[in-house]
Amino acid sequence: MVSGRINRGVPLVPLEIGGRVVEFVIDTGFDGEVAIPYELAEELGIRPMAITYVELGDGSLCSMGVSITSVVVEGAEIPVEVLLGSSEPIVGTGFLKHFKFILDIGAGLVELEPHRPC
């Protein structure tokens, strides 16, 4: 299980990407897997493989680099599509589908529990 925290009402969770632990915002309005700023991608050695257009929450289109990498959770590598160019590291519902997501803002509880095979 991965335990996170709440910062000013925003759920955050630490995840390993590119050999480094990074704190990600959990964004249930983002249906992709992972998005990170270009500067962080450079630091982690993640290079864009292609350019794609992404529709933002306000309906506008934005071009972003896209790559494939892995996020490590409890020693297991989860391959993810990562968008490059976000303002902060975020994980969306495409990533959360691998987990039971527990959020209790009042109690400051954020947990990701990997689904286990039956």
N, C-alpha and C. Protein backbone atom coordinates (compact mmCIF):
# COMPACT_ATOMS: atom_id res chain seq x y z
N MET A 1 0.85 -1.17 0.00
CA MET A 1 0.00 0.00 0.00
C MET A 1 0.90 1.24 0.00
N VAL A 2 0.47 2.26 -0.72
CA VAL A 2 1.17 3.53 -0.76
C VAL A 2 0.33 4.55 0.00
N SER A 3 0.94 5.20 0.97
CA SER A 3 0.24 6.22 1.75
C SER A 3 0.69 7.60 1.29
N GLY A 4 -0.28 8.47 1.12
CA GLY A 4 0.00 9.84 0.71
C GLY A 4 -0.40 10.82 1.79
N ARG A 5 -0.67 12.04 1.38
CA ARG A 5 -1.05 13.09 2.31
C ARG A 5 -1.97 14.08 1.61
N ILE A 6 -2.57 14.95 2.39
CA ILE A 6 -3.42 16.01 1.88
C ILE A 6 -2.69 17.33 2.12
N ASN A 7 -2.59 18.16 1.09
CA ASN A 7 -1.99 19.48 1.23
C ASN A 7 -2.98 20.51 0.69
N ARG A 8 -3.57 21.29 1.58
CA ARG A 8 -4.57 22.30 1.20
C ARG A 8 -5.71 21.70 0.39
N GLY A 9 -6.18 20.53 0.83
CA GLY A 9 -7.30 19.87 0.17
C GLY A 9 -6.94 19.06 -1.06
N VAL A 10 -5.66 19.01 -1.41
CA VAL A 10 -5.21 18.29 -2.61
C VAL A 10 -4.54 16.98 -2.20
N PRO A 11 -5.03 15.84 -2.73
CA PRO A 11 -4.39 14.56 -2.40
C PRO A 11 -3.08 14.38 -3.16
N LEU A 12 -2.04 14.00 -2.43
CA LEU A 12 -0.71 13.78 -2.98
C LEU A 12 -0.24 12.38 -2.62
N VAL A 13 0.50 11.76 -3.54
CA VAL A 13 1.00 10.42 -3.28
C VAL A 13 2.43 10.31 -3.83
N PRO A 14 3.35 9.73 -3.02
CA PRO A 14 4.72 9.56 -3.50
C PRO A 14 4.84 8.28 -4.32
N LEU A 15 5.41 8.41 -5.53
CA LEU A 15 5.60 7.26 -6.41
C LEU A 15 7.00 7.32 -7.00
N GLU A 16 7.56 6.15 -7.27
CA GLU A 16 8.90 6.09 -7.87
C GLU A 16 8.79 6.09 -9.39
N ILE A 17 9.48 7.04 -10.01
CA ILE A 17 9.53 7.14 -11.47
C ILE A 17 10.95 7.55 -11.85
N GLY A 18 11.51 6.89 -12.84
CA GLY A 18 12.86 7.22 -13.27
C GLY A 18 13.91 7.06 -12.18
N GLY A 19 13.66 6.14 -11.23
CA GLY A 19 14.61 5.90 -10.16
C GLY A 19 14.54 6.89 -9.02
N ARG A 20 13.53 7.74 -9.03
CA ARG A 20 13.39 8.78 -8.00
C ARG A 20 11.96 8.82 -7.47
N VAL A 21 11.81 9.08 -6.19
CA VAL A 21 10.47 9.22 -5.62
C VAL A 21 10.00 10.66 -5.85
N VAL A 22 8.83 10.78 -6.46
CA VAL A 22 8.23 12.07 -6.80
C VAL A 22 6.83 12.11 -6.20
N GLU A 23 6.46 13.26 -5.66
CA GLU A 23 5.11 13.42 -5.11
C GLU A 23 4.18 13.88 -6.23
N PHE A 24 3.13 13.08 -6.47
CA PHE A 24 2.17 13.34 -7.54
C PHE A 24 0.84 13.82 -6.97
N VAL A 25 0.22 14.75 -7.66
CA VAL A 25 -1.16 15.16 -7.37
C VAL A 25 -2.07 14.10 -7.96
N ILE A 26 -3.06 13.65 -7.21
CA ILE A 26 -4.07 12.74 -7.74
C ILE A 26 -5.17 13.60 -8.35
N ASP A 27 -5.36 13.45 -9.67
CA ASP A 27 -6.31 14.28 -10.41
C ASP A 27 -7.32 13.37 -11.10
N THR A 28 -8.49 13.20 -10.47
CA THR A 28 -9.51 12.32 -11.04
C THR A 28 -10.19 12.92 -12.26
N GLY A 29 -9.92 14.18 -12.57
CA GLY A 29 -10.43 14.80 -13.79
C GLY A 29 -9.53 14.53 -15.00
N PHE A 30 -8.38 13.92 -14.77
CA PHE A 30 -7.41 13.57 -15.82
C PHE A 30 -7.58 12.07 -16.10
N ASP A 31 -7.99 11.72 -17.32
CA ASP A 31 -8.23 10.31 -17.61
C ASP A 31 -6.99 9.59 -18.13
N GLY A 32 -5.89 10.28 -18.23
CA GLY A 32 -4.63 9.65 -18.63
C GLY A 32 -3.99 8.95 -17.44
N GLU A 33 -2.76 8.51 -17.65
CA GLU A 33 -2.05 7.78 -16.60
C GLU A 33 -1.17 8.72 -15.77
N VAL A 34 -0.16 9.31 -16.40
CA VAL A 34 0.80 10.15 -15.69
C VAL A 34 1.14 11.35 -16.55
N ALA A 35 1.34 12.50 -15.93
CA ALA A 35 1.84 13.69 -16.62
C ALA A 35 2.86 14.36 -15.71
N ILE A 36 3.96 14.82 -16.32
CA ILE A 36 5.01 15.50 -15.55
C ILE A 36 5.51 16.71 -16.32
N PRO A 37 6.09 17.69 -15.62
CA PRO A 37 6.69 18.84 -16.30
C PRO A 37 7.90 18.42 -17.14
N TYR A 38 8.17 19.18 -18.21
CA TYR A 38 9.33 18.89 -19.06
C TYR A 38 10.63 18.89 -18.25
N GLU A 39 10.75 19.83 -17.30
CA GLU A 39 11.99 19.93 -16.52
C GLU A 39 12.24 18.64 -15.73
N LEU A 40 11.19 18.09 -15.13
CA LEU A 40 11.32 16.85 -14.38
C LEU A 40 11.65 15.69 -15.32
N ALA A 41 11.01 15.67 -16.49
CA ALA A 41 11.29 14.62 -17.47
C ALA A 41 12.77 14.63 -17.85
N GLU A 42 13.33 15.81 -18.06
CA GLU A 42 14.75 15.92 -18.39
C GLU A 42 15.61 15.37 -17.26
N GLU A 43 15.29 15.75 -16.02
CA GLU A 43 16.05 15.27 -14.86
C GLU A 43 16.01 13.75 -14.76
N LEU A 44 14.88 13.15 -15.12
CA LEU A 44 14.71 11.70 -15.01
C LEU A 44 15.15 10.94 -16.26
N GLY A 45 15.57 11.68 -17.29
CA GLY A 45 16.02 11.04 -18.52
C GLY A 45 14.88 10.51 -19.38
N ILE A 46 13.69 11.05 -19.20
CA ILE A 46 12.53 10.64 -20.00
C ILE A 46 12.41 11.58 -21.19
N ARG A 47 12.51 11.02 -22.38
CA ARG A 47 12.49 11.82 -23.61
C ARG A 47 11.17 11.58 -24.36
N PRO A 48 10.64 12.62 -25.00
CA PRO A 48 9.40 12.42 -25.77
C PRO A 48 9.65 11.52 -26.97
N MET A 49 8.71 10.62 -27.20
CA MET A 49 8.76 9.71 -28.35
C MET A 49 7.91 10.26 -29.50
N ALA A 50 6.94 11.10 -29.14
CA ALA A 50 6.02 11.67 -30.12
C ALA A 50 5.37 12.91 -29.49
N ILE A 51 4.63 13.62 -30.29
CA ILE A 51 3.85 14.77 -29.82
C ILE A 51 2.37 14.43 -30.01
N THR A 52 1.56 14.78 -29.02
CA THR A 52 0.12 14.54 -29.11
C THR A 52 -0.62 15.80 -28.67
N TYR A 53 -1.87 15.91 -29.07
CA TYR A 53 -2.70 17.02 -28.61
C TYR A 53 -3.62 16.52 -27.52
N VAL A 54 -3.68 17.28 -26.44
CA VAL A 54 -4.45 16.91 -25.27
C VAL A 54 -5.49 17.99 -25.02
N GLU A 55 -6.73 17.56 -24.76
CA GLU A 55 -7.78 18.52 -24.40
C GLU A 55 -7.72 18.77 -22.91
N LEU A 56 -7.54 20.02 -22.53
CA LEU A 56 -7.46 20.40 -21.12
C LEU A 56 -8.86 20.56 -20.53
N GLY A 57 -8.93 20.72 -19.24
CA GLY A 57 -10.20 20.83 -18.52
C GLY A 57 -11.07 21.98 -19.01
N ASP A 58 -10.43 23.04 -19.52
CA ASP A 58 -11.21 24.19 -20.01
C ASP A 58 -11.62 24.04 -21.47
N GLY A 59 -11.31 22.88 -22.08
CA GLY A 59 -11.68 22.62 -23.46
C GLY A 59 -10.63 23.01 -24.48
N SER A 60 -9.58 23.71 -24.07
CA SER A 60 -8.54 24.10 -25.01
C SER A 60 -7.63 22.91 -25.33
N LEU A 61 -6.96 23.00 -26.48
CA LEU A 61 -6.02 21.95 -26.89
C LEU A 61 -4.59 22.41 -26.61
N CYS A 62 -3.77 21.46 -26.22
CA CYS A 62 -2.38 21.74 -25.88
C CYS A 62 -1.53 20.61 -26.45
N SER A 63 -0.41 20.95 -27.10
CA SER A 63 0.47 19.89 -27.58
C SER A 63 1.42 19.50 -26.46
N MET A 64 1.60 18.20 -26.30
CA MET A 64 2.47 17.68 -25.25
C MET A 64 3.28 16.52 -25.80
N GLY A 65 4.49 16.38 -25.29
CA GLY A 65 5.29 15.22 -25.61
C GLY A 65 4.68 14.00 -24.93
N VAL A 66 4.93 12.84 -25.49
CA VAL A 66 4.42 11.61 -24.90
C VAL A 66 5.55 10.57 -24.94
N SER A 67 5.62 9.78 -23.88
CA SER A 67 6.63 8.73 -23.78
C SER A 67 6.06 7.56 -22.99
N ILE A 68 6.84 6.51 -22.89
CA ILE A 68 6.47 5.34 -22.10
C ILE A 68 7.56 5.15 -21.06
N THR A 69 7.16 4.92 -19.83
CA THR A 69 8.12 4.64 -18.76
C THR A 69 7.42 3.73 -17.75
N SER A 70 8.03 3.54 -16.60
CA SER A 70 7.41 2.71 -15.56
C SER A 70 7.35 3.48 -14.26
N VAL A 71 6.31 3.21 -13.50
CA VAL A 71 6.18 3.69 -12.13
C VAL A 71 6.31 2.45 -11.26
N VAL A 72 7.13 2.55 -10.21
CA VAL A 72 7.35 1.40 -9.34
C VAL A 72 6.51 1.56 -8.08
N VAL A 73 5.69 0.54 -7.80
CA VAL A 73 4.84 0.54 -6.61
C VAL A 73 5.04 -0.80 -5.91
N GLU A 74 5.46 -0.74 -4.66
CA GLU A 74 5.73 -1.95 -3.87
C GLU A 74 6.62 -2.93 -4.63
N GLY A 75 7.64 -2.41 -5.30
CA GLY A 75 8.58 -3.25 -6.02
C GLY A 75 8.12 -3.72 -7.39
N ALA A 76 6.88 -3.47 -7.75
CA ALA A 76 6.35 -3.89 -9.04
C ALA A 76 6.36 -2.71 -10.02
N GLU A 77 6.87 -2.95 -11.23
CA GLU A 77 6.88 -1.92 -12.25
C GLU A 77 5.56 -1.91 -13.01
N ILE A 78 4.97 -0.73 -13.11
CA ILE A 78 3.73 -0.55 -13.85
C ILE A 78 4.06 0.31 -15.06
N PRO A 79 4.00 -0.24 -16.30
CA PRO A 79 4.27 0.57 -17.47
C PRO A 79 3.17 1.62 -17.64
N VAL A 80 3.57 2.86 -17.94
CA VAL A 80 2.61 3.94 -18.09
C VAL A 80 2.95 4.81 -19.29
N GLU A 81 1.92 5.40 -19.86
CA GLU A 81 2.11 6.46 -20.84
C GLU A 81 2.23 7.76 -20.05
N VAL A 82 3.29 8.49 -20.32
CA VAL A 82 3.52 9.73 -19.57
C VAL A 82 3.49 10.91 -20.54
N LEU A 83 2.68 11.89 -20.19
CA LEU A 83 2.62 13.13 -20.96
C LEU A 83 3.64 14.09 -20.38
N LEU A 84 4.37 14.77 -21.24
CA LEU A 84 5.40 15.70 -20.81
C LEU A 84 4.94 17.12 -21.09
N GLY A 85 4.97 17.95 -20.05
CA GLY A 85 4.60 19.34 -20.23
C GLY A 85 3.54 19.84 -19.28
N SER A 86 3.15 19.03 -18.30
CA SER A 86 2.16 19.49 -17.32
C SER A 86 2.83 20.49 -16.36
N SER A 87 2.03 21.21 -15.63
CA SER A 87 2.59 22.19 -14.69
C SER A 87 3.12 21.55 -13.42
N GLU A 88 2.64 20.34 -13.10
CA GLU A 88 3.10 19.61 -11.92
C GLU A 88 2.92 18.12 -12.18
N PRO A 89 3.60 17.26 -11.41
CA PRO A 89 3.41 15.82 -11.60
C PRO A 89 1.99 15.42 -11.17
N ILE A 90 1.28 14.72 -12.07
CA ILE A 90 -0.07 14.27 -11.74
C ILE A 90 -0.27 12.82 -12.18
N VAL A 91 -1.13 12.12 -11.47
CA VAL A 91 -1.60 10.81 -11.90
C VAL A 91 -3.11 10.92 -12.07
N GLY A 92 -3.60 10.24 -13.10
CA GLY A 92 -5.03 10.29 -13.40
C GLY A 92 -5.69 8.94 -13.25
N THR A 93 -6.93 8.88 -13.72
CA THR A 93 -7.71 7.66 -13.55
C THR A 93 -7.16 6.48 -14.34
N GLY A 94 -6.43 6.75 -15.41
CA GLY A 94 -5.79 5.66 -16.15
C GLY A 94 -4.78 4.91 -15.31
N PHE A 95 -4.13 5.61 -14.39
CA PHE A 95 -3.19 4.98 -13.47
C PHE A 95 -3.93 4.39 -12.27
N LEU A 96 -4.92 5.11 -11.77
CA LEU A 96 -5.65 4.69 -10.58
C LEU A 96 -6.42 3.38 -10.78
N LYS A 97 -6.68 2.99 -12.03
CA LYS A 97 -7.44 1.75 -12.28
C LYS A 97 -6.71 0.53 -11.74
N HIS A 98 -5.42 0.65 -11.47
CA HIS A 98 -4.62 -0.45 -10.92
C HIS A 98 -4.76 -0.58 -9.40
N PHE A 99 -5.53 0.32 -8.78
CA PHE A 99 -5.56 0.41 -7.33
C PHE A 99 -6.97 0.58 -6.77
N LYS A 100 -7.10 0.22 -5.52
CA LYS A 100 -8.22 0.67 -4.70
C LYS A 100 -7.74 2.02 -4.15
N PHE A 101 -8.47 3.08 -4.44
CA PHE A 101 -8.08 4.43 -4.07
C PHE A 101 -8.93 4.87 -2.88
N ILE A 102 -8.27 5.15 -1.76
CA ILE A 102 -8.97 5.56 -0.54
C ILE A 102 -8.63 7.01 -0.26
N LEU A 103 -9.66 7.84 -0.12
CA LEU A 103 -9.47 9.27 0.14
C LEU A 103 -10.43 9.72 1.22
N ASP A 104 -9.89 10.25 2.30
CA ASP A 104 -10.68 10.84 3.37
C ASP A 104 -10.02 12.17 3.72
N ILE A 105 -10.48 13.23 3.07
CA ILE A 105 -9.83 14.53 3.23
C ILE A 105 -9.90 15.00 4.67
N GLY A 106 -11.03 14.79 5.34
CA GLY A 106 -11.17 15.21 6.73
C GLY A 106 -10.15 14.56 7.65
N ALA A 107 -9.85 13.31 7.39
CA ALA A 107 -8.88 12.58 8.22
C ALA A 107 -7.46 12.69 7.67
N GLY A 108 -7.29 13.33 6.50
CA GLY A 108 -5.97 13.44 5.90
C GLY A 108 -5.46 12.13 5.36
N LEU A 109 -6.37 11.24 4.94
CA LEU A 109 -6.00 9.90 4.51
C LEU A 109 -6.01 9.78 2.99
N VAL A 110 -4.88 9.35 2.44
CA VAL A 110 -4.76 9.04 1.02
C VAL A 110 -4.02 7.71 0.93
N GLU A 111 -4.64 6.72 0.29
CA GLU A 111 -3.99 5.41 0.16
C GLU A 111 -4.28 4.83 -1.22
N LEU A 112 -3.25 4.20 -1.77
CA LEU A 112 -3.40 3.42 -2.99
C LEU A 112 -3.05 1.98 -2.63
N GLU A 113 -4.00 1.11 -2.79
CA GLU A 113 -3.80 -0.31 -2.48
C GLU A 113 -3.89 -1.09 -3.79
N PRO A 114 -2.78 -1.72 -4.22
CA PRO A 114 -2.81 -2.45 -5.50
C PRO A 114 -3.86 -3.55 -5.48
N HIS A 115 -4.55 -3.71 -6.63
CA HIS A 115 -5.47 -4.84 -6.79
C HIS A 115 -4.65 -6.11 -6.80
N ARG A 116 -5.11 -7.10 -6.10
CA ARG A 116 -4.44 -8.40 -6.05
C ARG A 116 -5.24 -9.39 -6.87
N PRO A 117 -4.56 -10.26 -7.63
CA PRO A 117 -5.31 -11.29 -8.36
C PRO A 117 -6.01 -12.23 -7.38
N CYS A 118 -7.16 -12.74 -7.80
CA CYS A 118 -7.92 -13.67 -6.95
C CYS A 118 -7.24 -15.01 -6.87
